[in-house]
Amino acid sequence: MGELILVLAQLYSLVILMRVLMSWVNIDPYSPIAKFLYDVTEPVMAPARNLLPPAGGFDFSPIIVIIGIQLIASVIAAAFTSAGL
């Protein structure tokens, strides 16, 4: 179960990375892929963006979110592993 949590955290981190990369290139924001990436990541990105507003034109919220997801997933996975699940 712990391994599954780590894999899901990695997949979500990749989705966030895809959103970041999408913001660097000209992609239609109304395309289904762009809308999906925005809809899936915005509920997590918005609170992080409110805590850490852009500095010098750079949005550091994706970094904060990815680090947070990885830390939380590692703690949960370790708990499952130590419980024998």
C-alpha atoms as a PDB file:
ATOM      1  CA  MET A   1       0.000   0.000   0.000  1.00  0.00           C
ATOM      2  CA  GLY A   2       2.881   2.351   0.766  1.00  0.00           C
ATOM      3  CA  GLU A   3       4.331   1.828  -2.696  1.00  0.00           C
ATOM      4  CA  LEU A   4       0.987   2.705  -4.293  1.00  0.00           C
ATOM      5  CA  ILE A   5       0.868   5.971  -2.354  1.00  0.00           C
ATOM      6  CA  LEU A   6       4.364   6.851  -3.526  1.00  0.00           C
ATOM      7  CA  VAL A   7       3.469   6.062  -7.144  1.00  0.00           C
ATOM      8  CA  LEU A   8       0.319   8.191  -6.951  1.00  0.00           C
ATOM      9  CA  ALA A   9       2.335  11.059  -5.479  1.00  0.00           C
ATOM     10  CA  GLN A  10       4.834  10.764  -8.329  1.00  0.00           C
ATOM     11  CA  LEU A  11       2.038  10.779 -10.915  1.00  0.00           C
ATOM     12  CA  TYR A  12       0.446  13.872  -9.392  1.00  0.00           C
ATOM     13  CA  SER A  13       3.841  15.571  -9.308  1.00  0.00           C
ATOM     14  CA  LEU A  14       4.202  14.818 -13.017  1.00  0.00           C
ATOM     15  CA  VAL A  15       0.788  16.365 -13.680  1.00  0.00           C
ATOM     16  CA  ILE A  16       1.939  19.514 -11.868  1.00  0.00           C
ATOM     17  CA  LEU A  17       5.141  19.519 -13.908  1.00  0.00           C
ATOM     18  CA  MET A  18       3.095  19.193 -17.099  1.00  0.00           C
ATOM     19  CA  ARG A  19       1.075  22.225 -16.051  1.00  0.00           C
ATOM     20  CA  VAL A  20       4.267  24.208 -15.454  1.00  0.00           C
ATOM     21  CA  LEU A  21       5.654  23.209 -18.843  1.00  0.00           C
ATOM     22  CA  MET A  22       2.328  24.068 -20.463  1.00  0.00           C
ATOM     23  CA  SER A  23       2.567  27.579 -19.030  1.00  0.00           C
ATOM     24  CA  TRP A  24       5.925  28.073 -20.750  1.00  0.00           C
ATOM     25  CA  VAL A  25       4.688  27.282 -24.263  1.00  0.00           C
ATOM     26  CA  ASN A  26       1.831  28.648 -26.296  1.00  0.00           C
ATOM     27  CA  ILE A  27      -0.971  26.182 -25.802  1.00  0.00           C
ATOM     28  CA  ASP A  28      -4.662  26.892 -26.137  1.00  0.00           C
ATOM     29  CA  PRO A  29      -5.942  27.281 -22.552  1.00  0.00           C
ATOM     30  CA  TYR A  30      -9.327  25.958 -23.673  1.00  0.00           C
ATOM     31  CA  SER A  31      -7.955  22.694 -25.042  1.00  0.00           C
ATOM     32  CA  PRO A  32      -9.160  19.586 -23.178  1.00  0.00           C
ATOM     33  CA  ILE A  33      -5.656  18.753 -21.956  1.00  0.00           C
ATOM     34  CA  ALA A  34      -5.025  22.253 -20.625  1.00  0.00           C
ATOM     35  CA  LYS A  35      -8.427  22.340 -18.944  1.00  0.00           C
ATOM     36  CA  PHE A  36      -7.827  18.916 -17.363  1.00  0.00           C
ATOM     37  CA  LEU A  37      -4.405  19.925 -16.022  1.00  0.00           C
ATOM     38  CA  TYR A  38      -5.806  23.153 -14.612  1.00  0.00           C
ATOM     39  CA  ASP A  39      -8.842  21.472 -13.037  1.00  0.00           C
ATOM     40  CA  VAL A  40      -6.758  18.732 -11.417  1.00  0.00           C
ATOM     41  CA  THR A  41      -3.986  20.928 -10.048  1.00  0.00           C
ATOM     42  CA  GLU A  42      -5.659  24.233  -9.179  1.00  0.00           C
ATOM     43  CA  PRO A  43      -7.295  23.049  -5.922  1.00  0.00           C
ATOM     44  CA  VAL A  44      -3.813  22.326  -4.551  1.00  0.00           C
ATOM     45  CA  MET A  45      -1.925  25.121  -6.285  1.00  0.00           C
ATOM     46  CA  ALA A  46      -4.208  28.000  -5.246  1.00  0.00           C
ATOM     47  CA  PRO A  47      -3.620  27.681  -1.470  1.00  0.00           C
ATOM     48  CA  ALA A  48       0.129  27.354  -2.050  1.00  0.00           C
ATOM     49  CA  ARG A  49       0.064  30.425  -4.283  1.00  0.00           C
ATOM     50  CA  ASN A  50      -1.758  32.361  -1.557  1.00  0.00           C
ATOM     51  CA  LEU A  51       0.915  31.391   0.989  1.00  0.00           C
ATOM     52  CA  LEU A  52       3.798  32.232  -1.322  1.00  0.00           C
ATOM     53  CA  PRO A  53       2.921  34.884  -3.910  1.00  0.00           C
ATOM     54  CA  PRO A  54       5.050  35.157  -7.071  1.00  0.00           C
ATOM     55  CA  ALA A  55       8.462  36.681  -6.448  1.00  0.00           C
ATOM     56  CA  GLY A  56      10.252  38.460  -9.250  1.00  0.00           C
ATOM     57  CA  GLY A  57       7.772  37.121 -11.794  1.00  0.00           C
ATOM     58  CA  PHE A  58       8.349  33.497 -10.786  1.00  0.00           C
ATOM     59  CA  ASP A  59       5.626  31.312  -9.298  1.00  0.00           C
ATOM     60  CA  PHE A  60       7.248  29.031  -6.733  1.00  0.00           C
ATOM     61  CA  SER A  61       3.988  27.342  -5.698  1.00  0.00           C
ATOM     62  CA  PRO A  62       4.560  24.253  -7.919  1.00  0.00           C
ATOM     63  CA  ILE A  63       7.853  23.595  -6.144  1.00  0.00           C
ATOM     64  CA  ILE A  64       6.240  23.971  -2.730  1.00  0.00           C
ATOM     65  CA  VAL A  65       3.344  21.690  -3.705  1.00  0.00           C
ATOM     66  CA  ILE A  66       5.591  18.979  -5.164  1.00  0.00           C
ATOM     67  CA  ILE A  67       7.856  18.991  -2.108  1.00  0.00           C
ATOM     68  CA  GLY A  68       4.820  18.885   0.188  1.00  0.00           C
ATOM     69  CA  ILE A  69       3.209  16.017  -1.712  1.00  0.00           C
ATOM     70  CA  GLN A  70       6.420  14.009  -1.676  1.00  0.00           C
ATOM     71  CA  LEU A  71       6.925  14.567   2.070  1.00  0.00           C
ATOM     72  CA  ILE A  72       3.343  13.676   2.962  1.00  0.00           C
ATOM     73  CA  ALA A  73       3.408  10.604   0.711  1.00  0.00           C
ATOM     74  CA  SER A  74       6.684   9.443   2.262  1.00  0.00           C
ATOM     75  CA  VAL A  75       5.301   9.775   5.788  1.00  0.00           C
ATOM     76  CA  ILE A  76       2.085   7.945   4.891  1.00  0.00           C
ATOM     77  CA  ALA A  77       3.974   5.224   3.017  1.00  0.00           C
ATOM     78  CA  ALA A  78       6.326   4.745   5.952  1.00  0.00           C
ATOM     79  CA  ALA A  79       3.350   4.442   8.303  1.00  0.00           C
ATOM     80  CA  PHE A  80       1.769   1.789   6.087  1.00  0.00           C
ATOM     81  CA  THR A  81       5.054  -0.064   5.787  1.00  0.00           C
ATOM     82  CA  SER A  82       5.688  -0.059   9.520  1.00  0.00           C
ATOM     83  CA  ALA A  83       2.109  -1.273  10.098  1.00  0.00           C
ATOM     84  CA  GLY A  84       2.772  -4.167   7.750  1.00  0.00           C
ATOM     85  CA  LEU A  85       0.252  -3.094   5.110  1.00  0.00           C
END
